[in-house]
Protein backbone atom coordinates (compact mmCIF):
# COMPACT_ATOMS: atom_id res chain seq x y z
CA MET A 1 -8.07 2.77 -29.75
CA VAL A 2 -5.53 5.24 -28.86
CA ALA A 3 -2.03 3.98 -27.83
CA PRO A 4 -1.06 4.09 -24.34
CA SER A 5 1.61 6.66 -25.14
CA SER A 6 -0.29 8.95 -26.69
CA HIS A 7 -2.95 8.95 -24.25
CA PRO A 8 -3.60 12.83 -22.88
CA LEU A 9 -4.89 11.19 -19.55
CA LEU A 10 -2.03 8.82 -19.03
CA GLY A 11 -0.26 11.17 -16.41
CA GLY A 12 -3.29 12.45 -14.72
CA SER A 13 -6.02 15.38 -15.73
CA ARG A 14 -6.41 18.77 -14.56
CA GLY A 15 -10.30 17.93 -15.33
CA ALA A 16 -12.24 20.49 -17.94
CA GLY A 17 -10.81 21.27 -20.77
CA VAL A 18 -8.87 17.94 -21.73
CA ARG A 19 -9.45 16.53 -24.90
CA PRO A 20 -11.10 12.97 -25.05
CA ALA A 21 -8.65 10.65 -26.56
CA CYS A 22 -11.23 7.94 -28.27
CA SER A 23 -14.66 7.06 -27.59
CA ASP A 24 -13.89 3.83 -25.79
CA LEU A 25 -15.68 2.99 -22.54
CA VAL A 26 -13.49 3.80 -19.51
CA ILE A 27 -14.51 1.88 -16.19
CA VAL A 28 -14.05 3.61 -12.90
CA GLY A 29 -13.36 1.18 -9.57
CA MET A 30 -15.84 3.20 -7.52
CA SER A 31 -15.28 2.96 -4.05
CA GLY A 32 -17.58 5.14 -2.28
CA GLY A 33 -15.32 7.63 -1.73
CA VAL A 34 -14.49 10.81 -2.86
CA ASP A 35 -11.03 9.90 -4.67
CA SER A 36 -13.06 7.38 -7.11
CA ALA A 37 -16.15 10.00 -7.39
CA VAL A 38 -13.77 12.65 -8.79
CA ALA A 39 -12.09 10.28 -11.13
CA ALA A 40 -15.33 9.16 -13.04
CA LEU A 41 -16.27 13.12 -12.82
CA LEU A 42 -13.09 14.33 -14.78
CA LEU A 43 -13.44 11.36 -17.22
CA LYS A 44 -16.97 12.58 -17.97
CA GLN A 45 -16.23 16.03 -18.64
CA SER A 46 -13.39 15.20 -20.34
CA GLY A 47 -15.72 13.44 -22.99
CA HIS A 48 -15.53 9.85 -22.29
CA ALA A 49 -17.96 7.08 -22.20
CA VAL A 50 -17.87 6.46 -18.46
CA GLN A 51 -19.31 3.48 -16.10
CA GLY A 52 -18.69 2.64 -12.86
CA LEU A 53 -17.80 -0.58 -10.94
CA PHE A 54 -18.19 -1.40 -7.24
CA MET A 55 -16.44 -4.43 -5.90
CA SER A 56 -16.62 -6.08 -2.60
CA ASN A 57 -13.67 -8.12 -1.44
CA TRP A 58 -14.66 -9.20 2.01
CA GLU A 59 -18.07 -10.88 3.52
CA GLU A 60 -18.41 -11.26 6.95
CA ASP A 61 -21.20 -11.18 9.22
CA ASP A 62 -19.92 -8.32 11.20
CA ASP A 63 -21.84 -5.28 10.12
CA LEU A 64 -20.65 -3.13 13.07
CA TYR A 65 -17.11 -2.60 11.45
CA CYS A 66 -18.26 -3.75 7.48
CA THR A 67 -18.91 -0.33 5.58
CA ALA A 68 -19.30 -2.33 2.18
CA ALA A 69 -23.17 -1.68 2.32
CA ALA A 70 -22.79 1.99 2.83
CA ASP A 71 -20.17 2.65 0.53
CA PHE A 72 -21.94 0.85 -2.11
CA GLN A 73 -24.76 3.40 -1.53
CA ASP A 74 -22.54 6.51 -1.57
CA ALA A 75 -21.30 5.02 -5.02
CA ARG A 76 -24.69 4.41 -6.58
CA ARG A 77 -25.79 8.03 -5.66
CA VAL A 78 -22.68 9.80 -6.99
CA CYS A 79 -23.01 7.69 -10.21
CA ASP A 80 -26.99 8.66 -10.19
CA VAL A 81 -26.03 12.46 -10.15
CA LEU A 82 -23.20 11.70 -12.86
CA ASP A 83 -25.93 9.81 -14.74
CA ILE A 84 -23.39 6.73 -15.12
CA PRO A 85 -24.06 2.87 -14.92
CA LEU A 86 -23.04 1.38 -11.75
CA HIS A 87 -22.30 -2.48 -11.68
CA ARG A 88 -21.39 -4.41 -8.87
CA VAL A 89 -19.52 -7.56 -8.27
CA SER A 90 -17.82 -9.76 -5.57
CA PHE A 91 -14.07 -11.14 -5.44
CA ALA A 92 -14.27 -12.20 -1.94
CA ALA A 93 -13.35 -15.61 -2.98
CA GLN A 94 -10.11 -14.47 -4.95
CA TYR A 95 -9.16 -12.35 -1.91
CA ARG A 96 -9.32 -14.71 0.50
CA GLU A 97 -7.26 -17.04 -1.80
CA ARG A 98 -4.60 -14.72 -3.22
CA VAL A 99 -4.07 -11.90 -0.54
CA PHE A 100 -5.91 -13.01 2.96
CA ALA A 101 -3.95 -16.38 3.15
CA HIS A 102 -0.79 -14.65 2.56
CA PHE A 103 -1.41 -12.10 4.96
CA LEU A 104 -2.32 -14.86 7.82
CA ARG A 105 0.95 -17.05 6.63
CA GLU A 106 3.11 -13.57 7.02
CA TYR A 107 1.73 -12.83 10.56
CA ALA A 108 1.98 -16.62 11.87
CA ALA A 109 5.58 -16.35 10.76
CA GLY A 110 6.34 -13.28 12.86
CA ARG A 111 6.36 -10.89 10.16
CA THR A 112 4.22 -7.82 9.34
CA PRO A 113 2.58 -7.71 5.91
CA ASN A 114 1.30 -5.02 3.94
CA PRO A 115 -2.07 -6.61 1.90
CA ASP A 116 -2.86 -3.22 0.44
CA VAL A 117 0.16 -3.71 -1.83
CA LEU A 118 -1.21 -7.56 -3.05
CA CYS A 119 -4.56 -6.61 -3.13
CA ASN A 120 -3.65 -3.71 -5.86
CA ARG A 121 -1.49 -6.41 -7.86
CA GLU A 122 -4.12 -9.70 -7.53
CA ILE A 123 -7.55 -8.23 -7.33
CA LYS A 124 -8.02 -4.50 -8.60
CA PHE A 125 -5.27 -4.76 -11.03
CA GLY A 126 -5.71 -8.43 -11.60
CA VAL A 127 -8.93 -10.25 -11.98
CA CYS A 128 -11.05 -6.78 -11.19
CA LEU A 129 -9.43 -5.28 -14.39
CA GLU A 130 -9.93 -8.29 -16.60
CA TYR A 131 -13.63 -7.99 -15.26
CA MET A 132 -13.99 -4.71 -16.73
CA HIS A 133 -12.54 -5.53 -19.93
CA ARG A 134 -15.07 -8.40 -20.29
CA LEU A 135 -17.51 -5.64 -19.42
CA GLY A 136 -16.17 -3.71 -22.78
CA ALA A 137 -13.71 -1.50 -21.15
CA GLY A 138 -11.09 0.03 -23.46
CA ARG A 139 -9.72 1.72 -20.34
CA VAL A 140 -9.86 1.25 -16.42
CA ALA A 141 -9.62 4.00 -14.14
CA THR A 142 -9.37 4.35 -10.48
CA GLY A 143 -8.81 7.37 -7.59
CA HIS A 144 -5.45 6.64 -6.79
CA TYR A 145 -2.68 9.28 -6.23
CA ALA A 146 -0.43 8.30 -9.11
CA ARG A 147 0.93 9.39 -12.50
CA LEU A 148 1.88 7.61 -15.52
CA MET A 149 4.16 8.49 -18.40
CA PRO A 150 4.65 7.31 -21.89
CA ALA A 151 7.94 5.18 -22.39
CA ALA A 152 9.49 3.69 -25.03
CA GLY A 153 9.29 -0.73 -24.75
CA ALA A 154 6.80 -3.08 -25.02
CA ASP A 155 4.66 -1.83 -22.32
CA GLY A 156 5.09 2.20 -23.01
CA VAL A 157 4.26 3.38 -19.69
CA ARG A 158 6.04 4.35 -16.73
CA LEU A 159 4.78 5.13 -13.17
CA LEU A 160 5.35 8.13 -11.26
CA LYS A 161 4.59 9.51 -7.91
CA ALA A 162 1.81 11.88 -7.34
CA ALA A 163 1.96 15.63 -7.89
CA ASP A 164 0.47 15.65 -4.18
CA HIS A 165 3.45 13.89 -2.40
CA ALA A 166 1.39 13.92 0.83
CA LYS A 167 -1.35 11.67 -1.10
CA ASP A 168 1.09 9.69 -3.46
CA GLN A 169 0.16 6.24 -3.50
CA SER A 170 2.79 5.02 -5.82
CA TYR A 171 4.09 3.22 -2.80
CA PHE A 172 0.83 0.41 -3.06
CA LEU A 173 1.16 0.21 -6.98
CA HIS A 174 4.98 -0.64 -7.64
CA GLY A 175 3.59 -4.51 -7.71
CA VAL A 176 1.21 -3.79 -10.64
CA ALA A 177 2.21 -5.41 -13.71
CA PRO A 178 3.18 -2.81 -16.47
CA ALA A 179 0.90 -4.21 -18.84
CA ALA A 180 -1.82 -3.61 -16.43
CA LEU A 181 -0.82 0.25 -15.77
CA ALA A 182 -0.67 0.76 -19.82
CA ARG A 183 -4.36 -0.08 -19.61
CA THR A 184 -5.18 2.03 -16.64
CA LEU A 185 -5.91 6.04 -15.93
CA PHE A 186 -5.09 7.97 -13.11
CA PRO A 187 -7.21 11.02 -13.37
CA LEU A 188 -6.05 12.55 -9.70
CA GLY A 189 -2.38 12.21 -10.81
CA ASP A 190 -1.94 16.00 -11.20
CA LEU A 191 -4.41 17.29 -8.48
CA HIS A 192 -4.16 17.73 -4.63
CA LYS A 193 -6.49 16.29 -2.23
CA HIS A 194 -8.19 19.98 -1.53
CA GLU A 195 -8.60 20.19 -5.14
CA VAL A 196 -10.15 17.05 -5.50
CA ARG A 197 -12.94 17.84 -2.61
CA ALA A 198 -13.60 21.40 -4.20
CA ARG A 199 -14.35 19.46 -7.23
CA ALA A 200 -16.93 16.98 -5.71
CA HIS A 201 -18.29 19.74 -4.16
CA ALA A 202 -19.10 22.18 -7.01
CA ALA A 203 -20.35 18.92 -8.56
CA GLY A 204 -22.76 18.45 -6.18
CA LEU A 205 -21.57 14.97 -4.86
CA GLU A 206 -22.27 14.22 -1.47
CA VAL A 207 -19.00 12.32 -0.50
CA PHE A 208 -17.39 15.63 -1.03
CA ASP A 209 -16.50 15.79 3.07
CA LYS A 210 -16.34 11.95 3.43
CA PRO A 211 -13.30 11.01 5.40
CA ASP A 212 -10.39 8.91 4.10
CA SER A 213 -10.71 5.02 4.78
CA THR A 214 -7.91 4.19 7.03
CA GLY A 215 -6.34 0.74 8.13
CA ILE A 216 -5.95 -2.26 6.28
CA CYS A 217 -8.15 -2.91 3.36
CA PHE A 218 -10.32 -5.40 4.84
CA ILE A 219 -10.17 -5.25 8.50
CA GLY A 220 -11.20 -1.25 8.37
CA GLU A 221 -11.55 0.17 11.53
CA ARG A 222 -12.50 -3.00 13.65
CA PRO A 223 -10.38 -3.85 16.79
CA PHE A 224 -6.81 -5.66 15.11
CA GLN A 225 -5.82 -7.98 17.72
CA GLU A 226 -9.50 -9.04 18.35
CA PHE A 227 -9.70 -9.92 14.51
CA LEU A 228 -6.70 -11.78 14.36
CA SER A 229 -7.61 -13.79 17.28
CA ARG A 230 -10.18 -14.92 15.15
CA HIS A 231 -8.27 -16.56 12.58
CA LEU A 232 -4.71 -17.03 14.14
CA ASP A 233 -3.62 -19.36 16.79
CA THR A 234 -1.41 -17.08 19.01
CA ARG A 235 0.13 -18.11 22.66
CA ALA A 236 1.66 -15.73 25.19
CA GLY A 237 4.89 -15.30 25.49
CA PRO A 238 7.66 -13.30 27.43
CA ILE A 239 8.17 -9.57 27.24
CA GLU A 240 12.41 -9.04 27.28
CA ASP A 241 14.52 -5.90 27.51
CA GLU A 242 17.63 -5.86 25.50
CA ASP A 243 19.50 -7.68 28.41
CA GLY A 244 16.96 -10.88 28.36
CA ARG A 245 15.27 -9.60 31.24
CA VAL A 246 11.88 -10.65 31.51
CA ILE A 247 9.49 -7.76 32.09
CA GLY A 248 6.32 -8.69 31.04
CA GLU A 249 3.81 -11.19 28.86
CA HIS A 250 2.76 -10.41 25.74
CA ARG A 251 -0.67 -12.27 24.01
CA GLY A 252 1.22 -13.43 20.79
CA LEU A 253 3.79 -11.97 18.21
CA ALA A 254 1.55 -11.50 15.74
CA PHE A 255 -0.12 -8.61 17.48
CA PHE A 256 3.33 -6.33 17.38
CA THR A 257 5.20 -4.86 14.80
CA LEU A 258 8.55 -3.31 15.08
CA GLY A 259 8.55 0.43 16.35
CA GLN A 260 5.21 -0.07 18.26
CA ARG A 261 4.90 1.82 21.09
CA SER A 262 1.18 1.63 22.42
CA GLY A 263 -0.70 -1.47 23.79
CA LEU A 264 2.41 -3.19 25.56
CA GLY A 265 1.07 -3.67 28.70
CA ILE A 266 4.47 -3.06 30.36
CA GLY A 267 3.86 0.19 32.68
CA GLY A 268 6.33 1.51 35.01
CA ARG A 269 9.29 -1.06 36.32
CA ALA A 270 11.68 -0.93 39.08
CA GLY A 271 15.40 0.15 38.11
CA ALA A 272 13.79 1.04 34.62
CA ALA A 273 13.68 4.90 33.28
CA GLU A 274 10.13 6.52 33.54
CA ALA A 275 10.22 6.50 29.31
CA PRO A 276 8.33 4.63 26.93
CA TRP A 277 8.94 1.17 25.37
CA TYR A 278 9.17 0.33 21.95
CA VAL A 279 9.13 -2.93 20.03
CA ALA A 280 12.66 -3.51 18.91
CA ALA A 281 12.60 -7.21 17.76
CA LYS A 282 10.55 -10.41 17.45
CA ASP A 283 12.08 -13.90 18.22
CA PRO A 284 9.50 -16.60 16.93
CA ARG A 285 11.80 -19.33 18.06
CA ARG A 286 11.40 -18.49 21.80
CA ASN A 287 8.31 -16.66 21.29
CA ALA A 288 9.75 -13.82 22.86
CA LEU A 289 9.11 -9.75 22.19
CA ILE A 290 12.02 -7.71 22.73
CA VAL A 291 11.49 -4.52 23.80
CA VAL A 292 13.96 -0.81 24.50
CA GLN A 293 13.01 2.55 25.76
CA ASP A 294 15.04 4.41 23.79
CA HIS A 295 13.06 5.78 20.50
CA GLU A 296 16.30 5.78 18.47
CA HIS A 297 17.85 2.51 19.96
CA PRO A 298 20.28 0.77 18.23
CA LEU A 299 18.14 -2.79 18.30
CA LEU A 300 15.48 -0.16 16.27
CA MET A 301 18.07 1.02 13.73
CA SER A 302 18.96 -0.50 10.65
CA ASP A 303 21.52 0.28 8.08
CA SER A 304 21.40 -2.69 5.52
CA PHE A 305 18.56 -5.12 4.59
CA LEU A 306 17.62 -7.74 2.04
CA VAL A 307 14.85 -7.74 -0.41
CA ASP A 308 13.10 -10.90 -1.55
CA GLU A 309 10.21 -11.07 -4.50
CA MET A 310 11.82 -8.03 -6.39
CA HIS A 311 9.31 -6.57 -9.00
CA TRP A 312 10.75 -4.19 -11.46
CA LEU A 313 8.89 -1.69 -13.30
CA VAL A 314 12.44 -0.05 -14.82
CA ALA A 315 14.58 -3.18 -14.95
CA PRO A 316 18.44 -1.76 -13.86
CA GLU A 317 21.17 -2.29 -16.30
CA THR A 318 23.81 -3.06 -13.65
CA ASP A 319 23.83 -5.28 -10.45
CA GLU A 320 24.20 -1.99 -8.66
CA LEU A 321 22.50 1.12 -8.57
CA GLU A 322 22.04 4.64 -6.51
CA CYS A 323 18.41 5.40 -5.96
CA ALA A 324 16.29 6.10 -2.98
CA VAL A 325 13.73 3.80 -1.13
CA LYS A 326 10.44 4.00 1.14
CA THR A 327 10.79 1.12 3.66
CA ARG A 328 6.94 2.06 4.78
CA TYR A 329 4.18 4.20 3.11
CA ARG A 330 4.26 8.12 3.69
CA GLN A 331 8.32 8.09 4.89
CA ASN A 332 10.49 10.40 3.25
CA ASP A 333 12.92 8.90 0.39
CA LEU A 334 16.13 7.48 1.88
CA PRO A 335 19.36 7.67 -0.37
CA CYS A 336 20.57 3.93 -0.99
CA ARG A 337 22.79 1.34 -2.71
CA LEU A 338 20.98 -1.21 -4.07
CA ARG A 339 23.20 -4.34 -5.07
CA LEU A 340 22.49 -8.12 -6.68
CA ALA A 341 24.28 -10.76 -4.51
CA GLY A 342 22.85 -13.77 -4.51
CA GLY A 343 19.84 -11.64 -3.96
CA TRP A 344 19.30 -7.82 -3.49
CA ARG A 345 20.93 -6.10 -0.81
CA VAL A 346 20.17 -2.36 0.41
CA THR A 347 22.61 -0.25 1.90
CA LEU A 348 20.98 3.04 3.59
CA ARG A 349 23.24 6.10 3.66
CA GLU A 350 22.05 6.80 6.74
CA PRO A 351 20.26 4.00 9.40
CA ALA A 352 16.55 4.12 9.66
CA ARG A 353 14.35 3.04 12.22
CA ALA A 354 11.90 0.14 12.11
CA VAL A 355 12.72 -1.32 8.98
CA THR A 356 10.31 -4.21 9.18
CA PRO A 357 10.47 -7.70 7.69
CA GLY A 358 7.16 -8.52 5.57
CA GLN A 359 6.58 -5.01 4.60
CA TYR A 360 7.77 -3.87 1.06
CA ALA A 361 11.04 -1.76 0.23
CA VAL A 362 10.17 0.63 -3.33
CA PHE A 363 12.85 2.06 -5.13
CA TYR A 364 12.48 5.73 -6.70
CA ARG A 365 14.98 7.97 -8.75
CA GLY A 366 13.39 11.35 -8.08
CA GLU A 367 9.72 10.68 -9.14
CA LEU A 368 9.94 7.49 -10.98
CA CYS A 369 8.90 4.46 -9.47
CA LEU A 370 11.42 1.40 -10.30
CA GLY A 371 9.73 -1.13 -8.36
CA GLY A 372 10.19 -2.80 -5.39
CA GLY A 373 10.07 -5.82 -3.34
CA VAL A 374 9.38 -7.90 0.10
CA ILE A 375 12.25 -6.94 3.13
CA ALA A 376 13.32 -10.09 3.98
CA GLN A 377 15.92 -9.66 6.39
CA ARG A 378 17.31 -6.47 8.37
CA GLN A 379 20.93 -5.65 9.63
CA GLN A 380 21.66 -3.67 12.95
CA ALA A 381 22.83 -0.64 12.45
CA HIS A 382 26.91 -0.21 13.55
CA ALA A 383 26.89 -4.12 13.34
CA ALA A 384 30.66 -5.20 13.21
CA ALA A 385 31.80 -5.67 9.70
CA GLY A 386 31.45 -9.37 8.44
CA ALA A 387 29.12 -10.07 11.56
CA GLY A 388 26.15 -10.61 9.62
CA ILE A 389 23.71 -9.88 12.00
CA PHE A 390 20.57 -9.91 10.30
CA VAL A 391 17.18 -10.47 11.90
């Protein structure tokens, strides 16, 4: 087996002409979409022995919204065209225990979780990766847009942004163990989305124009409030403006997230400007939803926040470092200072909007992903020195 640091596909593949590293089996996680299809295509074109694995993580009797059956058929047709075997496995029990239970606890506590990060860490690059190796895989591969770079050290790998920054998924991969990344290939790392679709079309793969999946991994396109109502006990409460005046009623704090504009059900209010309302804060103690009308209202802006459960891919050498952070997916990098003082505190160079507890803060130095953690508390911008106004 070739060592991770010398594997020619570690940083992504431009497809045809890539020299295969070894004869070890590569198993590709097949989702039924175009990205995993082209990942398998590129690996086979480069001379690897390739097999596919379709995993399902959610099992409910709601065929109206669940696309797993159709996705499996798409994955099967892709594997037929590529002439590779396709395995199928369910990790629904592990998903409910390791991802969904956490998802519900966070919403019940008034935070907004990101289960896709946990799904990668616990399922796709956890139990699924180990299952692939039990099938005999020397390497596993996925259709994620990210790159890996050889590095010195025990794990021998670093996580980089994808060449296509608009599709980069390193944000969702920051929690994966380096040892798991060292056994993984990301063949799409150097490609742009339009190139991926073009390669699928040229290879006769019917999924070449299949739309990308959207939404939370297990919820998909189903109505979010209806879904949460089936799993959480929610209660109505007041909607208040910044001065504490009650201007409406919400159905449950779990249905709202910071910065949200639609679905508030407030409408025009006497004495208020004719401008949209935005969720600025949630007060679980009083079950109150706080809303404002300015898109960049001070209650929505933060210049500092605390991070828990930090997971480092590149451990810092000091207790303070300058870097950049994303507080949500597809956000531009925000210059910041990260300092260890009891826990990790992030100070932004410029205030950011809707920094949301429960979401992940992921840190970068240029293209290199350093790691990340869960946003625990945010501080309002321009808060008085020493006031400690964290919400």
